[in-house]
Every structure is written in structure tokens, then in C-alpha cells.
Protein backbone atom coordinates (compact mmCIF):
# COMPACT_ATOMS: atom_id res chain seq x y z
CA MET A 1 -27.84 -35.53 -144.66
CA ILE A 2 -29.32 -32.84 -142.45
CA GLU A 3 -31.81 -30.38 -143.90
CA VAL A 4 -32.85 -27.16 -142.17
CA LYS A 5 -36.12 -25.56 -143.27
CA ASN A 6 -37.19 -22.01 -142.40
CA LEU A 7 -35.50 -22.07 -139.01
CA TYR A 8 -36.14 -19.22 -136.58
CA LYS A 9 -34.88 -18.85 -133.04
CA SER A 10 -35.74 -16.03 -130.66
CA PHE A 11 -34.86 -15.33 -127.05
CA GLU A 12 -37.79 -13.31 -125.68
CA ASP A 13 -38.04 -10.39 -128.13
CA ILE A 14 -34.59 -10.83 -129.68
CA GLN A 15 -34.55 -12.77 -132.94
CA VAL A 16 -31.21 -14.56 -133.35
CA LEU A 17 -31.86 -16.91 -136.30
CA LYS A 18 -33.98 -15.65 -139.17
CA ASP A 19 -35.49 -17.99 -141.73
CA ILE A 20 -32.45 -20.22 -142.29
CA SER A 21 -32.84 -22.96 -144.88
CA THR A 22 -29.87 -25.08 -145.89
CA MET A 23 -28.54 -28.60 -146.33
CA PHE A 24 -25.56 -30.31 -144.74
CA GLU A 25 -24.36 -33.12 -146.99
CA ASN A 26 -23.13 -36.55 -145.96
CA GLY A 27 -19.57 -37.52 -146.79
CA LYS A 28 -18.52 -33.88 -146.76
CA THR A 29 -17.08 -31.41 -144.27
CA ASN A 30 -19.82 -28.79 -143.84
CA LEU A 31 -18.53 -25.58 -142.27
CA ILE A 32 -20.56 -22.89 -140.49
CA ILE A 33 -18.71 -19.57 -140.43
CA GLY A 34 -19.53 -16.04 -139.32
CA ARG A 35 -18.55 -13.28 -136.97
CA SER A 36 -18.92 -13.64 -133.21
CA GLY A 37 -22.56 -13.04 -132.37
CA SER A 38 -23.75 -13.89 -135.88
CA GLY A 39 -25.80 -16.86 -134.69
CA LYS A 40 -23.68 -19.79 -135.86
CA THR A 41 -23.32 -21.31 -132.37
CA VAL A 42 -27.06 -20.93 -131.77
CA LEU A 43 -27.65 -22.69 -135.10
CA MET A 44 -25.51 -25.65 -134.09
CA LYS A 45 -27.23 -25.87 -130.70
CA ASN A 46 -30.58 -26.03 -132.48
CA LEU A 47 -29.29 -28.79 -134.73
CA VAL A 48 -28.24 -31.03 -131.83
CA GLY A 49 -31.23 -30.26 -129.62
CA LEU A 50 -29.53 -28.15 -126.95
CA LEU A 51 -31.97 -25.43 -127.99
CA THR A 52 -35.45 -25.73 -129.49
CA PRO A 53 -36.24 -23.61 -132.56
CA THR A 54 -38.98 -21.01 -132.28
CA SER A 55 -40.22 -22.39 -135.60
CA GLY A 56 -38.93 -24.41 -138.53
CA LYS A 57 -37.68 -27.94 -139.11
CA VAL A 58 -34.45 -29.88 -138.68
CA LEU A 59 -34.57 -33.08 -140.71
CA TYR A 60 -32.10 -35.91 -140.18
CA ASP A 61 -32.37 -37.98 -143.36
CA GLY A 62 -36.02 -36.95 -143.51
CA ARG A 63 -36.73 -37.43 -139.78
CA ASP A 64 -38.06 -34.29 -138.10
CA PHE A 65 -35.87 -33.89 -135.00
CA VAL A 66 -37.82 -30.91 -133.66
CA ALA A 67 -41.09 -32.86 -133.64
CA MET A 68 -39.64 -35.92 -131.88
CA THR A 69 -40.56 -36.84 -128.32
CA LYS A 70 -37.88 -36.67 -125.61
CA LYS A 71 -37.47 -40.44 -125.78
CA GLU A 72 -37.08 -40.36 -129.55
CA LYS A 73 -34.49 -37.60 -129.29
CA VAL A 74 -32.45 -39.62 -126.80
CA VAL A 75 -32.36 -42.50 -129.29
CA MET A 76 -31.54 -40.09 -132.11
CA ARG A 77 -28.60 -38.59 -130.22
CA ARG A 78 -26.91 -41.98 -130.22
CA GLU A 79 -26.37 -41.39 -133.94
CA MET A 80 -24.50 -38.16 -133.18
CA GLY A 81 -20.90 -37.54 -132.22
CA MET A 82 -19.76 -34.26 -130.65
CA ILE A 83 -16.35 -32.62 -130.38
CA PHE A 84 -16.33 -29.71 -127.97
CA GLN A 85 -14.15 -26.61 -128.21
CA SER A 86 -12.19 -27.53 -125.07
CA ALA A 87 -12.03 -31.28 -125.90
CA ALA A 88 -13.98 -31.82 -122.61
CA LEU A 89 -12.05 -34.87 -121.49
CA PHE A 90 -12.35 -36.29 -117.97
CA ASP A 91 -9.12 -35.48 -116.12
CA SER A 92 -9.50 -38.44 -113.75
CA MET A 93 -9.83 -40.96 -116.59
CA THR A 94 -7.11 -42.33 -118.82
CA VAL A 95 -7.19 -41.68 -122.55
CA LEU A 96 -8.61 -45.16 -123.13
CA GLU A 97 -11.27 -44.69 -120.44
CA ASN A 98 -12.29 -41.35 -121.98
CA VAL A 99 -12.84 -42.98 -125.38
CA MET A 100 -14.73 -45.84 -123.73
CA PHE A 101 -17.08 -43.51 -121.86
CA PRO A 102 -19.89 -43.34 -124.51
CA LEU A 103 -19.58 -47.10 -125.02
CA ASP A 104 -19.90 -47.70 -121.27
CA MET A 105 -23.00 -45.51 -121.19
CA PHE A 106 -24.87 -46.60 -124.30
CA ALA A 107 -23.35 -49.56 -126.17
CA PRO A 108 -24.76 -53.07 -125.60
CA MET A 109 -21.26 -54.55 -125.66
CA THR A 110 -19.14 -56.65 -123.33
CA LEU A 111 -16.18 -55.03 -121.58
CA ARG A 112 -13.77 -56.78 -123.96
CA GLU A 113 -15.71 -55.48 -126.97
CA ARG A 114 -15.76 -51.95 -125.58
CA ILE A 115 -12.00 -51.98 -124.97
CA LYS A 116 -11.40 -53.33 -128.48
CA ARG A 117 -13.58 -50.65 -130.07
CA ALA A 118 -11.94 -47.86 -128.06
CA LYS A 119 -8.49 -49.06 -129.08
CA GLU A 120 -9.56 -49.18 -132.72
CA CYS A 121 -10.65 -45.54 -132.49
CA LEU A 122 -7.42 -44.50 -130.80
CA ASP A 123 -5.46 -46.31 -133.47
CA ARG A 124 -7.45 -44.44 -136.13
CA VAL A 125 -6.24 -41.11 -134.70
CA ASN A 126 -2.69 -42.45 -134.15
CA LEU A 127 -2.83 -42.35 -130.36
CA LEU A 128 -2.90 -45.99 -129.33
CA GLU A 129 0.43 -45.57 -127.55
CA ALA A 130 -1.12 -42.90 -125.27
CA GLN A 131 -4.00 -45.07 -124.04
CA GLU A 132 -2.77 -45.27 -120.43
CA LYS A 133 -1.92 -41.58 -120.11
CA TYR A 134 -4.17 -38.96 -118.53
CA PRO A 135 -5.35 -35.83 -120.39
CA GLY A 136 -3.01 -33.61 -118.37
CA GLU A 137 -0.05 -35.66 -119.60
CA ILE A 138 -0.64 -35.07 -123.33
CA SER A 139 -0.59 -32.00 -125.57
CA GLY A 140 -3.59 -29.94 -126.63
CA GLY A 141 -3.49 -31.38 -130.13
CA MET A 142 -3.42 -34.92 -128.74
CA GLN A 143 -6.38 -34.09 -126.51
CA LYS A 144 -8.36 -33.00 -129.58
CA ARG A 145 -7.50 -36.28 -131.28
CA VAL A 146 -8.71 -38.18 -128.20
CA ALA A 147 -11.94 -36.18 -128.42
CA ILE A 148 -12.28 -37.22 -132.07
CA ALA A 149 -11.69 -40.86 -131.15
CA ARG A 150 -14.38 -40.63 -128.46
CA ALA A 151 -16.79 -38.92 -130.86
CA ILE A 152 -16.52 -41.70 -133.46
CA SER A 153 -16.59 -44.58 -130.97
CA MET A 154 -20.32 -45.10 -131.43
CA ASN A 155 -20.07 -45.04 -135.24
CA PRO A 156 -22.12 -41.84 -135.57
CA LYS A 157 -23.91 -40.84 -138.73
CA TYR A 158 -23.58 -37.17 -137.80
CA LEU A 159 -20.51 -35.48 -136.34
CA PHE A 160 -20.62 -32.00 -134.79
CA CYS A 161 -17.43 -30.04 -134.10
CA ASP A 162 -17.42 -26.76 -132.17
CA GLU A 163 -14.22 -24.82 -132.97
CA PRO A 164 -12.07 -27.98 -133.08
CA ASN A 165 -8.89 -25.96 -133.76
CA SER A 166 -9.37 -23.51 -130.90
CA GLY A 167 -6.12 -22.98 -128.99
CA LEU A 168 -3.98 -24.99 -131.41
CA ASP A 169 -0.99 -23.83 -133.42
CA PRO A 170 -1.40 -23.68 -137.24
CA LYS A 171 0.51 -26.92 -137.91
CA THR A 172 -1.52 -28.92 -135.39
CA SER A 173 -4.71 -27.35 -136.72
CA LEU A 174 -3.92 -28.74 -140.17
CA VAL A 175 -3.48 -32.20 -138.65
CA ILE A 176 -6.93 -31.96 -137.03
CA ASP A 177 -8.48 -30.68 -140.28
CA ASP A 178 -6.99 -33.52 -142.31
CA LEU A 179 -8.12 -36.06 -139.71
CA LEU A 180 -11.71 -34.76 -139.64
CA HIS A 181 -11.84 -34.66 -143.43
CA SER A 182 -10.50 -38.18 -143.90
CA ILE A 183 -12.76 -39.66 -141.19
CA THR A 184 -15.79 -37.93 -142.74
CA GLN A 185 -15.08 -39.52 -146.10
CA GLU A 186 -14.12 -42.89 -144.64
CA TYR A 187 -17.33 -43.25 -142.63
CA ASN A 188 -19.51 -41.20 -145.01
CA MET A 189 -20.68 -39.06 -142.09
CA THR A 190 -22.46 -35.74 -142.17
CA THR A 191 -19.84 -33.57 -140.46
CA ILE A 192 -20.67 -30.02 -139.36
CA ILE A 193 -17.85 -27.80 -138.15
CA ASN A 194 -18.38 -24.45 -136.46
CA THR A 195 -15.15 -22.52 -137.05
CA HIS A 196 -13.31 -19.20 -137.20
CA ASP A 197 -10.23 -20.81 -138.75
CA MET A 198 -9.76 -19.55 -142.29
CA ASN A 199 -7.22 -22.28 -143.01
CA SER A 200 -10.02 -24.78 -142.34
CA VAL A 201 -12.39 -22.83 -144.57
CA MET A 202 -10.00 -22.81 -147.52
CA GLY A 203 -8.58 -26.29 -146.86
CA ILE A 204 -11.58 -28.53 -146.12
CA GLY A 205 -14.58 -26.30 -146.88
CA GLU A 206 -16.57 -28.64 -149.11
CA ASN A 207 -19.85 -26.99 -148.16
CA ILE A 208 -19.67 -23.61 -146.39
CA ILE A 209 -22.57 -21.73 -144.83
CA PHE A 210 -21.88 -18.11 -143.95
CA ILE A 211 -24.17 -16.67 -141.27
CA HIS A 212 -24.51 -12.90 -140.95
CA GLU A 213 -26.80 -11.25 -138.39
CA GLY A 214 -28.82 -14.44 -138.02
CA ARG A 215 -29.38 -15.06 -141.71
CA LYS A 216 -27.76 -17.38 -144.21
CA GLU A 217 -25.90 -14.81 -146.26
CA TRP A 218 -23.98 -17.16 -148.57
CA GLN A 219 -23.41 -20.85 -149.25
CA GLY A 220 -20.81 -22.47 -151.46
CA VAL A 221 -17.43 -24.22 -151.60
CA SER A 222 -14.00 -22.90 -150.70
CA SER A 223 -12.94 -22.45 -154.34
CA GLU A 224 -15.80 -19.98 -154.87
CA ILE A 225 -14.91 -17.68 -151.99
CA MET A 226 -12.10 -15.90 -153.82
CA HIS A 227 -14.50 -14.91 -156.60
CA SER A 228 -17.54 -14.07 -154.51
CA ASP A 229 -19.05 -10.60 -154.93
CA ASN A 230 -20.88 -10.87 -151.60
CA LYS A 231 -19.58 -7.89 -149.64
CA GLU A 232 -20.39 -9.28 -146.18
CA LEU A 233 -18.55 -12.51 -146.98
CA THR A 234 -15.45 -10.86 -148.45
CA ASP A 235 -15.29 -8.37 -145.56
CA PHE A 236 -15.33 -11.31 -143.16
CA ILE A 237 -12.88 -13.58 -144.98
CA PHE A 238 -10.47 -10.89 -146.15
CA ALA A 239 -10.59 -8.76 -143.01
CA SER A 240 -7.01 -7.47 -143.09
CA ASP A 241 -5.42 -5.22 -145.70
CA LEU A 242 -2.85 -7.95 -146.38
CA LEU A 243 -5.51 -10.52 -147.27
CA LYS A 244 -7.42 -7.97 -149.36
CA ASN A 245 -4.27 -7.20 -151.32
CA MET A 246 -3.56 -10.90 -151.79
CA ARG A 247 -7.08 -11.46 -153.13
CA SER A 248 -6.71 -8.51 -155.50
CA ILE A 249 -3.40 -9.86 -156.83
CA VAL A 250 -4.83 -13.35 -157.37
CA LEU A 251 -7.89 -12.03 -159.22
CA LYS A 252 -5.76 -9.75 -161.41
CA HIS A 253 -3.46 -12.64 -162.24
CA GLU A 254 -6.39 -14.90 -163.12
CA LYS A 255 -7.90 -12.19 -165.32
CA LYS A 256 -4.58 -11.73 -167.10
CA GLU A 257 -4.12 -15.46 -167.60
CA GLY A 258 -7.70 -15.79 -168.82
């Protein structure tokens, strides 16, 4: 579990995050949503230590990450997995070598053990047959699955995903969502996903934090979104006239049935 307490972040005289307090639960897919420029990316960067909060706390199972020394943070980051928006694979390495990279850098394992672990992770994302291929030889969806395999290779307690469905078609996006959700439950990880994908929000949003103008505007589960009376949230989720009409029809039907 990750707990954020009274988090502020400013860049010179511009305040980007404003008194955010929330919890990201383990064993669940925790989604951060919001408009571009709302502060959700800055929030994630503060969570993983790429940025330092102006004030406030970030607690990893009670451990204050902000107050840690640089050495302590390096050790702490070994408990984190990260999936980048672009997959960020090394073009000159094979799929297997990409998954092995964190193990080569940090794991006190023999070469045989590292290869075995990397293959286990590739098998978990159904890509063992692609182990000898290079990133340029596989599809975008397969690259994202390789990135997931690499991210879980060190058995992280915390998994961070920055727009994991970016650039993917809807069908492939659902595959990635299902994979992230099942892995989160299987390993009981605290998974945090920064996303614009409304299919992800409605499909795997077990704990959703909506950021608006640097503040936590709303928090809940996907099933509550349809019935929310928060104007900023509904304007964001149901941005088009089509979606607004669909929401209106669903609510009228539920009222009639009730």
C-alpha cells in the first residue's frame, strides 16, 4: 500500500499539486486520471522519486520515501517496477535480454538463474516464443508485454504504469488491461496506472483517483462513475455528446427499473 499525505509540488511560483491525500491499495489496479496538465504525471513522478515534493509525505507500507537518504531510495526502488509509455526497450537487445536487464543490474543471481527468471516472466505474458527476436521485429502490443515482463522480473511490490495503452488499438489495449489486472492480483502488488483510456477506467478501475487542476477532485471505483454528481468528473469522462446521451439513457433506465 502507498499512502500520500498532504502532498504539494511547486515549480518556482507555480503550484502544480495542491494538498493531495490518498491511498493506493495493494492487490488492486489503482488508476490516476485527469485532463492533460492536471498534474497526474507530476504526481506519479513524485511517487517514484523522479521529483521531490515541496511538502508532504509518500509512505510505502509506512516507510516515508521522501525522508529517505539517496542510498535508502536506491534500495527502495528495487521494490518498484516501471512500465513506460513507449515501452522503452533496448533496440540492440533481444526480447530475452531486455527482460534480463534489471536482473543483470541488480539481482544477486547466477546467469542460469537470471535466464530462467526472465523466461518465466516472458511465459507469464505469453511471449516465450519471441525471446530471440528484437523489439523492431515484434508488434507494439508485444513490446508492451515485454515491458510488463521486464517490470515484474524483480518481483516488485509496487508497479507503476505510465499510459500503458498509448498507441495501441482497442483490442490490444484490452489484452494489456487484463494482463495488468491479473498480474496485480496474482502477485498482490500495488499497481498504479496513469491513463487517459476510458476503457481501462471502466474495465479495471478498482480504485480511481481523479486529479483536476492539481487537486484530488474525486476518488472511487468504476461502478460509481456513472452515478457521480461531480461535474468536473462527468465533464471529463463523458466529454462527447454521444457519451452524455448514453449516460442519460442508462440512468433513466435504472430509475425506471428501480
